[in-house]
Amino acid sequence: MLEFYQAYADFEDLMALTEAMLAQVTEEVCGQTAITYQGHTIEMAGPWARMSLAEALERLGGVPPALLSDREGLLALADRRGVPITKDGRRAKIITKLFDALVEPQLIQPTFITGYPVEVSPLSRRSDSEPEVTERFELFIAGREIANGFSELNDPEDQRDRFRQQVADRQAGDVEAHCMDEDYIEALEFGMPPTAGEGIGIDRLAMLLTDAASIREVIFFPHMKPAVR
């Protein structure tokens, strides 16, 4: 995993950086920007496609936009499409689960997905124009998430409220929810400049550039081998 931050930058800056960086890495490793992965020809040179989560669900997943605000309707749709979802899940969680099942496998060419709901982006800054979503992106290539980045949330009060909701979600059974982090909130109270951060899955990138079907082909799994004493 590669994780990095850039002060006085936002998620748009990191999308531009990521597009240029991965195109250059591909050319240096493979000798060209057009590569073949598991039978698909993938062009890594930009510009890459960009869609909001809502747009992707409508265009590729066949989910009507009006349904995104209807929790019961989303549950019914998931049931019809065979997408397993916990019935007590929050609406934003249901939306992302539908995206994972209906849209993600179709994202073969490099695609940035933006506009993730606040509820599933506890560390991301809210969008000024659409406060219900965040300044966050995920990069998908060959049907897999390769990178996740966002404008960092640097408002300590907003961050505390987000963590409180995450704690409530965790108590309700969401094992992926964050715990309360008072040390992090205290650090934000001292001050943090506008910052953008990103994580890139180097293992998945290595799979892509070497046409490896399994992650086991590019990284070691010593913890899965019997101990030798």
C-alpha atoms as a PDB file:
ATOM      1  CA  MET A   1       0.000   0.000   0.000  1.00  0.00           C
ATOM      2  CA  LEU A   2       1.190   3.494  -0.852  1.00  0.00           C
ATOM      3  CA  GLU A   3      -0.348   6.279   1.235  1.00  0.00           C
ATOM      4  CA  PHE A   4       0.468   9.947   0.804  1.00  0.00           C
ATOM      5  CA  TYR A   5      -0.836  13.434   1.592  1.00  0.00           C
ATOM      6  CA  GLN A   6      -0.475  16.821  -0.072  1.00  0.00           C
ATOM      7  CA  ALA A   7      -1.022  20.057   1.803  1.00  0.00           C
ATOM      8  CA  TYR A   8      -3.019  22.852   0.133  1.00  0.00           C
ATOM      9  CA  ALA A   9      -4.472  20.390  -2.370  1.00  0.00           C
ATOM     10  CA  ASP A  10      -7.872  18.776  -2.846  1.00  0.00           C
ATOM     11  CA  PHE A  11      -9.231  15.577  -4.372  1.00  0.00           C
ATOM     12  CA  GLU A  12      -9.225  17.084  -7.864  1.00  0.00           C
ATOM     13  CA  ASP A  13      -5.460  17.659  -7.590  1.00  0.00           C
ATOM     14  CA  LEU A  14      -4.926  14.043  -6.558  1.00  0.00           C
ATOM     15  CA  MET A  15      -7.002  12.699  -9.434  1.00  0.00           C
ATOM     16  CA  ALA A  16      -4.804  14.633 -11.867  1.00  0.00           C
ATOM     17  CA  LEU A  17      -1.661  13.424 -10.098  1.00  0.00           C
ATOM     18  CA  THR A  18      -2.835   9.801 -10.044  1.00  0.00           C
ATOM     19  CA  GLU A  19      -3.759   9.807 -13.729  1.00  0.00           C
ATOM     20  CA  ALA A  20      -0.339  11.143 -14.742  1.00  0.00           C
ATOM     21  CA  MET A  21       1.599   8.985 -12.283  1.00  0.00           C
ATOM     22  CA  LEU A  22       0.025   5.631 -13.180  1.00  0.00           C
ATOM     23  CA  ALA A  23       0.270   6.342 -16.909  1.00  0.00           C
ATOM     24  CA  GLN A  24       3.998   7.008 -16.492  1.00  0.00           C
ATOM     25  CA  VAL A  25       4.514   3.933 -14.296  1.00  0.00           C
ATOM     26  CA  THR A  26       2.739   1.769 -16.876  1.00  0.00           C
ATOM     27  CA  GLU A  27       4.867   3.098 -19.723  1.00  0.00           C
ATOM     28  CA  GLU A  28       8.102   2.586 -17.787  1.00  0.00           C
ATOM     29  CA  VAL A  29       7.161  -0.963 -16.679  1.00  0.00           C
ATOM     30  CA  CYS A  30       5.422  -2.207 -19.826  1.00  0.00           C
ATOM     31  CA  GLY A  31       6.975  -0.014 -22.516  1.00  0.00           C
ATOM     32  CA  GLN A  32       3.611   1.458 -23.522  1.00  0.00           C
ATOM     33  CA  THR A  33       0.411   2.752 -21.944  1.00  0.00           C
ATOM     34  CA  ALA A  34      -1.899   0.226 -23.633  1.00  0.00           C
ATOM     35  CA  ILE A  35      -1.757  -3.078 -21.754  1.00  0.00           C
ATOM     36  CA  THR A  36      -3.612  -6.382 -21.797  1.00  0.00           C
ATOM     37  CA  TYR A  37      -5.137  -7.693 -18.600  1.00  0.00           C
ATOM     38  CA  GLN A  38      -6.963 -11.027 -18.594  1.00  0.00           C
ATOM     39  CA  GLY A  39      -8.093 -10.590 -22.189  1.00  0.00           C
ATOM     40  CA  HIS A  40      -9.007  -6.892 -21.873  1.00  0.00           C
ATOM     41  CA  THR A  41      -7.040  -4.149 -23.605  1.00  0.00           C
ATOM     42  CA  ILE A  42      -6.725  -1.283 -21.138  1.00  0.00           C
ATOM     43  CA  GLU A  43      -5.476   2.184 -22.038  1.00  0.00           C
ATOM     44  CA  MET A  44      -3.719   3.829 -19.098  1.00  0.00           C
ATOM     45  CA  ALA A  45      -3.022   7.151 -20.802  1.00  0.00           C
ATOM     46  CA  GLY A  46      -5.478   9.876 -19.835  1.00  0.00           C
ATOM     47  CA  PRO A  47      -7.884  11.428 -19.807  1.00  0.00           C
ATOM     48  CA  TRP A  48      -9.705   8.846 -17.679  1.00  0.00           C
ATOM     49  CA  ALA A  49     -13.474   8.617 -17.351  1.00  0.00           C
ATOM     50  CA  ARG A  50     -15.141  10.315 -14.381  1.00  0.00           C
ATOM     51  CA  MET A  51     -18.601   9.627 -13.019  1.00  0.00           C
ATOM     52  CA  SER A  52     -20.396  10.330  -9.800  1.00  0.00           C
ATOM     53  CA  LEU A  53     -21.622   7.356  -7.797  1.00  0.00           C
ATOM     54  CA  ALA A  54     -25.217   8.282  -8.668  1.00  0.00           C
ATOM     55  CA  GLU A  55     -24.409   8.571 -12.401  1.00  0.00           C
ATOM     56  CA  ALA A  56     -22.628   5.214 -12.421  1.00  0.00           C
ATOM     57  CA  LEU A  57     -25.523   3.494 -10.681  1.00  0.00           C
ATOM     58  CA  GLU A  58     -27.969   4.922 -13.211  1.00  0.00           C
ATOM     59  CA  ARG A  59     -25.896   4.408 -16.393  1.00  0.00           C
ATOM     60  CA  LEU A  60     -24.280   1.071 -15.616  1.00  0.00           C
ATOM     61  CA  GLY A  61     -26.381  -0.385 -12.820  1.00  0.00           C
ATOM     62  CA  GLY A  62     -29.833   0.529 -14.054  1.00  0.00           C
ATOM     63  CA  VAL A  63     -30.761   2.184 -10.738  1.00  0.00           C
ATOM     64  CA  PRO A  64     -33.179   5.124 -11.215  1.00  0.00           C
ATOM     65  CA  PRO A  65     -31.879   8.336  -9.549  1.00  0.00           C
ATOM     66  CA  ALA A  66     -35.153   8.829  -7.669  1.00  0.00           C
ATOM     67  CA  LEU A  67     -34.632   5.476  -5.959  1.00  0.00           C
ATOM     68  CA  LEU A  68     -31.403   6.609  -4.257  1.00  0.00           C
ATOM     69  CA  SER A  69     -33.374   8.506  -1.617  1.00  0.00           C
ATOM     70  CA  ASP A  70     -35.780   5.608  -0.992  1.00  0.00           C
ATOM     71  CA  ARG A  71     -34.255   3.135   1.460  1.00  0.00           C
ATOM     72  CA  GLU A  72     -37.062   0.587   1.212  1.00  0.00           C
ATOM     73  CA  GLY A  73     -37.020   0.847  -2.558  1.00  0.00           C
ATOM     74  CA  LEU A  74     -33.270   0.199  -2.571  1.00  0.00           C
ATOM     75  CA  LEU A  75     -33.726  -2.874  -0.395  1.00  0.00           C
ATOM     76  CA  ALA A  76     -36.419  -4.173  -2.735  1.00  0.00           C
ATOM     77  CA  LEU A  77     -34.159  -3.560  -5.735  1.00  0.00           C
ATOM     78  CA  ALA A  78     -31.270  -5.375  -4.054  1.00  0.00           C
ATOM     79  CA  ASP A  79     -33.544  -8.324  -3.369  1.00  0.00           C
ATOM     80  CA  ARG A  80     -34.705  -8.446  -7.004  1.00  0.00           C
ATOM     81  CA  ARG A  81     -31.138  -8.216  -8.329  1.00  0.00           C
ATOM     82  CA  GLY A  82     -29.806 -10.839  -5.922  1.00  0.00           C
ATOM     83  CA  VAL A  83     -27.529  -8.466  -3.995  1.00  0.00           C
ATOM     84  CA  PRO A  84     -27.195  -9.608  -0.359  1.00  0.00           C
ATOM     85  CA  ILE A  85     -27.672  -6.644   1.981  1.00  0.00           C
ATOM     86  CA  THR A  86     -28.246  -6.445   5.724  1.00  0.00           C
ATOM     87  CA  LYS A  87     -31.836  -5.299   6.192  1.00  0.00           C
ATOM     88  CA  ASP A  88     -30.955  -2.911   9.037  1.00  0.00           C
ATOM     89  CA  GLY A  89     -28.205  -1.164   7.013  1.00  0.00           C
ATOM     90  CA  ARG A  90     -28.249   2.588   6.478  1.00  0.00           C
ATOM     91  CA  ARG A  91     -29.277   3.967   3.082  1.00  0.00           C
ATOM     92  CA  ALA A  92     -25.745   5.080   2.091  1.00  0.00           C
ATOM     93  CA  LYS A  93     -24.378   1.640   2.906  1.00  0.00           C
ATOM     94  CA  ILE A  94     -27.043   0.011   0.742  1.00  0.00           C
ATOM     95  CA  ILE A  95     -26.136   2.342  -2.139  1.00  0.00           C
ATOM     96  CA  THR A  96     -22.447   1.417  -1.975  1.00  0.00           C
ATOM     97  CA  LYS A  97     -23.240  -2.295  -1.755  1.00  0.00           C
ATOM     98  CA  LEU A  98     -25.373  -1.993  -4.886  1.00  0.00           C
ATOM     99  CA  PHE A  99     -22.521  -0.174  -6.605  1.00  0.00           C
ATOM    100  CA  ASP A 100     -20.060  -2.908  -5.627  1.00  0.00           C
ATOM    101  CA  ALA A 101     -22.289  -5.624  -7.071  1.00  0.00           C
ATOM    102  CA  LEU A 102     -23.847  -3.944 -10.115  1.00  0.00           C
ATOM    103  CA  VAL A 103     -21.290  -1.406 -11.335  1.00  0.00           C
ATOM    104  CA  GLU A 104     -17.762  -2.183 -10.163  1.00  0.00           C
ATOM    105  CA  PRO A 105     -17.274  -5.319 -12.335  1.00  0.00           C
ATOM    106  CA  GLN A 106     -18.067  -3.222 -15.440  1.00  0.00           C
ATOM    107  CA  LEU A 107     -15.367  -0.606 -14.811  1.00  0.00           C
ATOM    108  CA  ILE A 108     -12.638  -2.093 -16.994  1.00  0.00           C
ATOM    109  CA  GLN A 109     -11.052   1.106 -18.340  1.00  0.00           C
ATOM    110  CA  PRO A 110      -9.590   3.501 -15.709  1.00  0.00           C
ATOM    111  CA  THR A 111     -12.517   5.334 -14.133  1.00  0.00           C
ATOM    112  CA  PHE A 112     -12.761   7.786 -11.243  1.00  0.00           C
ATOM    113  CA  ILE A 113     -15.978   7.476  -9.219  1.00  0.00           C
ATOM    114  CA  THR A 114     -16.806  10.531  -7.085  1.00  0.00           C
ATOM    115  CA  GLY A 115     -19.663  11.820  -4.941  1.00  0.00           C
ATOM    116  CA  TYR A 116     -19.599   9.260  -2.132  1.00  0.00           C
ATOM    117  CA  PRO A 117     -22.146   9.863   0.655  1.00  0.00           C
ATOM    118  CA  VAL A 118     -20.938  11.431   3.903  1.00  0.00           C
ATOM    119  CA  GLU A 119     -22.132   8.397   5.878  1.00  0.00           C
ATOM    120  CA  VAL A 120     -19.614   6.078   4.196  1.00  0.00           C
ATOM    121  CA  SER A 121     -16.778   8.627   4.068  1.00  0.00           C
ATOM    122  CA  PRO A 122     -16.095   9.529   7.709  1.00  0.00           C
ATOM    123  CA  LEU A 123     -12.751  11.242   7.073  1.00  0.00           C
ATOM    124  CA  SER A 124     -13.645  13.130   3.888  1.00  0.00           C
ATOM    125  CA  ARG A 125     -14.520  16.808   3.539  1.00  0.00           C
ATOM    126  CA  ARG A 126     -18.097  17.626   2.557  1.00  0.00           C
ATOM    127  CA  SER A 127     -18.732  19.041  -0.892  1.00  0.00           C
ATOM    128  CA  ASP A 128     -19.563  22.760  -0.754  1.00  0.00           C
ATOM    129  CA  SER A 129     -22.117  22.397  -3.561  1.00  0.00           C
ATOM    130  CA  GLU A 130     -23.631  19.083  -2.382  1.00  0.00           C
ATOM    131  CA  PRO A 131     -23.253  18.775   1.416  1.00  0.00           C
ATOM    132  CA  GLU A 132     -24.721  15.257   1.477  1.00  0.00           C
ATOM    133  CA  VAL A 133     -21.713  13.906  -0.448  1.00  0.00           C
ATOM    134  CA  THR A 134     -17.958  14.279  -0.020  1.00  0.00           C
ATOM    135  CA  GLU A 135     -14.919  15.365  -2.025  1.00  0.00           C
ATOM    136  CA  ARG A 136     -13.778  11.791  -2.471  1.00  0.00           C
ATOM    137  CA  PHE A 137     -12.858   9.527  -5.360  1.00  0.00           C
ATOM    138  CA  GLU A 138     -12.145   5.869  -5.901  1.00  0.00           C
ATOM    139  CA  LEU A 139     -10.223   4.688  -8.956  1.00  0.00           C
ATOM    140  CA  PHE A 140     -11.343   1.473 -10.636  1.00  0.00           C
ATOM    141  CA  ILE A 141      -9.448  -0.460 -13.301  1.00  0.00           C
ATOM    142  CA  ALA A 142     -10.227  -3.965 -14.579  1.00  0.00           C
ATOM    143  CA  GLY A 143     -13.233  -4.202 -12.269  1.00  0.00           C
ATOM    144  CA  ARG A 144     -11.221  -3.553  -9.096  1.00  0.00           C
ATOM    145  CA  GLU A 145     -10.614  -0.601  -6.806  1.00  0.00           C
ATOM    146  CA  ILE A 146      -7.023   0.569  -7.233  1.00  0.00           C
ATOM    147  CA  ALA A 147      -6.991   3.813  -5.238  1.00  0.00           C
ATOM    148  CA  ASN A 148      -9.052   5.791  -2.746  1.00  0.00           C
ATOM    149  CA  GLY A 149      -8.483   9.500  -2.135  1.00  0.00           C
ATOM    150  CA  PHE A 150     -10.217  12.556  -0.765  1.00  0.00           C
ATOM    151  CA  SER A 151      -9.990  16.087   0.505  1.00  0.00           C
ATOM    152  CA  GLU A 152      -9.263  15.583   4.195  1.00  0.00           C
ATOM    153  CA  LEU A 153     -11.850  16.674   6.722  1.00  0.00           C
ATOM    154  CA  ASN A 154     -10.084  19.242   8.922  1.00  0.00           C
ATOM    155  CA  ASP A 155     -13.062  20.533  10.937  1.00  0.00           C
ATOM    156  CA  PRO A 156     -12.750  18.945  14.416  1.00  0.00           C
ATOM    157  CA  GLU A 157     -16.421  19.406  15.331  1.00  0.00           C
ATOM    158  CA  ASP A 158     -17.644  17.820  12.111  1.00  0.00           C
ATOM    159  CA  GLN A 159     -15.107  15.019  12.588  1.00  0.00           C
ATOM    160  CA  ARG A 160     -16.318  14.334  16.141  1.00  0.00           C
ATOM    161  CA  ASP A 161     -19.918  14.126  14.926  1.00  0.00           C
ATOM    162  CA  ARG A 162     -18.871  11.709  12.164  1.00  0.00           C
ATOM    163  CA  PHE A 163     -17.013   9.504  14.642  1.00  0.00           C
ATOM    164  CA  ARG A 164     -20.039   9.472  16.970  1.00  0.00           C
ATOM    165  CA  GLN A 165     -22.186   8.188  14.107  1.00  0.00           C
ATOM    166  CA  GLN A 166     -19.520   5.605  13.268  1.00  0.00           C
ATOM    167  CA  VAL A 167     -19.516   4.404  16.884  1.00  0.00           C
ATOM    168  CA  ALA A 168     -23.311   4.061  16.754  1.00  0.00           C
ATOM    169  CA  ASP A 169     -23.013   2.097  13.503  1.00  0.00           C
ATOM    170  CA  ARG A 170     -20.384  -0.150  15.038  1.00  0.00           C
ATOM    171  CA  GLN A 171     -22.589  -0.824  18.065  1.00  0.00           C
ATOM    172  CA  ALA A 172     -25.383  -1.704  15.637  1.00  0.00           C
ATOM    173  CA  GLY A 173     -23.183  -4.376  14.072  1.00  0.00           C
ATOM    174  CA  ASP A 174     -21.187  -2.617  11.338  1.00  0.00           C
ATOM    175  CA  VAL A 175     -17.710  -4.081  11.844  1.00  0.00           C
ATOM    176  CA  GLU A 176     -16.227  -1.722   9.216  1.00  0.00           C
ATOM    177  CA  ALA A 177     -17.224   1.419  11.123  1.00  0.00           C
ATOM    178  CA  HIS A 178     -14.562   3.565  12.778  1.00  0.00           C
ATOM    179  CA  CYS A 179     -13.975   3.777  16.489  1.00  0.00           C
ATOM    180  CA  MET A 180     -13.854   7.119  18.295  1.00  0.00           C
ATOM    181  CA  ASP A 181     -10.387   8.722  17.984  1.00  0.00           C
ATOM    182  CA  GLU A 182     -10.056  11.582  20.453  1.00  0.00           C
ATOM    183  CA  ASP A 183      -6.313  11.963  19.787  1.00  0.00           C
ATOM    184  CA  TYR A 184      -7.008  12.619  16.109  1.00  0.00           C
ATOM    185  CA  ILE A 185      -9.718  15.149  16.948  1.00  0.00           C
ATOM    186  CA  GLU A 186      -7.371  16.924  19.379  1.00  0.00           C
ATOM    187  CA  ALA A 187      -4.740  17.131  16.638  1.00  0.00           C
ATOM    188  CA  LEU A 188      -7.310  18.726  14.310  1.00  0.00           C
ATOM    189  CA  GLU A 189      -8.132  21.275  17.023  1.00  0.00           C
ATOM    190  CA  PHE A 190      -4.520  22.463  16.922  1.00  0.00           C
ATOM    191  CA  GLY A 191      -4.963  23.060  13.218  1.00  0.00           C
ATOM    192  CA  MET A 192      -4.588  21.270   9.892  1.00  0.00           C
ATOM    193  CA  PRO A 193      -4.221  23.036   6.528  1.00  0.00           C
ATOM    194  CA  PRO A 194      -6.426  22.085   3.596  1.00  0.00           C
ATOM    195  CA  THR A 195      -5.013  18.694   2.660  1.00  0.00           C
ATOM    196  CA  ALA A 196      -5.744  15.816   0.301  1.00  0.00           C
ATOM    197  CA  GLY A 197      -4.752  12.216   0.970  1.00  0.00           C
ATOM    198  CA  GLU A 198      -4.743   9.008  -1.026  1.00  0.00           C
ATOM    199  CA  GLY A 199      -4.015   5.317  -0.744  1.00  0.00           C
ATOM    200  CA  ILE A 200      -3.016   3.178  -3.735  1.00  0.00           C
ATOM    201  CA  GLY A 201      -3.103  -0.612  -3.658  1.00  0.00           C
ATOM    202  CA  ILE A 202       0.342  -1.513  -4.993  1.00  0.00           C
ATOM    203  CA  ASP A 203      -0.526  -5.218  -4.937  1.00  0.00           C
ATOM    204  CA  ARG A 204      -3.507  -4.686  -7.247  1.00  0.00           C
ATOM    205  CA  LEU A 205      -1.464  -2.386  -9.466  1.00  0.00           C
ATOM    206  CA  ALA A 206       1.206  -5.099  -9.735  1.00  0.00           C
ATOM    207  CA  MET A 207      -1.516  -7.596 -10.721  1.00  0.00           C
ATOM    208  CA  LEU A 208      -2.659  -5.232 -13.456  1.00  0.00           C
ATOM    209  CA  LEU A 209       0.818  -4.578 -14.895  1.00  0.00           C
ATOM    210  CA  THR A 210       1.860  -8.248 -14.852  1.00  0.00           C
ATOM    211  CA  ASP A 211      -1.470  -9.695 -16.075  1.00  0.00           C
ATOM    212  CA  ALA A 212      -1.737 -11.717 -12.859  1.00  0.00           C
ATOM    213  CA  ALA A 213      -5.150 -13.229 -12.168  1.00  0.00           C
ATOM    214  CA  SER A 214      -4.560 -13.776  -8.444  1.00  0.00           C
ATOM    215  CA  ILE A 215      -3.115 -11.520  -5.797  1.00  0.00           C
ATOM    216  CA  ARG A 216      -1.120 -14.521  -4.573  1.00  0.00           C
ATOM    217  CA  GLU A 217       0.994 -14.206  -7.707  1.00  0.00           C
ATOM    218  CA  VAL A 218       2.355 -10.787  -6.736  1.00  0.00           C
ATOM    219  CA  ILE A 219       2.721 -10.825  -2.938  1.00  0.00           C
ATOM    220  CA  PHE A 220       3.848 -13.349  -0.343  1.00  0.00           C
ATOM    221  CA  PHE A 221       1.440 -14.908   2.135  1.00  0.00           C
ATOM    222  CA  PRO A 222       3.779 -16.112   4.899  1.00  0.00           C
ATOM    223  CA  HIS A 223       0.999 -15.973   7.473  1.00  0.00           C
ATOM    224  CA  MET A 224      -0.860 -18.676   5.521  1.00  0.00           C
ATOM    225  CA  LYS A 225       2.036 -21.111   5.582  1.00  0.00           C
ATOM    226  CA  PRO A 226       2.546 -23.592   8.449  1.00  0.00           C
ATOM    227  CA  ALA A 227       5.129 -22.479  10.973  1.00  0.00           C
ATOM    228  CA  VAL A 228       8.466 -24.302  10.781  1.00  0.00           C
ATOM    229  CA  ARG A 229      10.034 -24.868  14.192  1.00  0.00           C
END
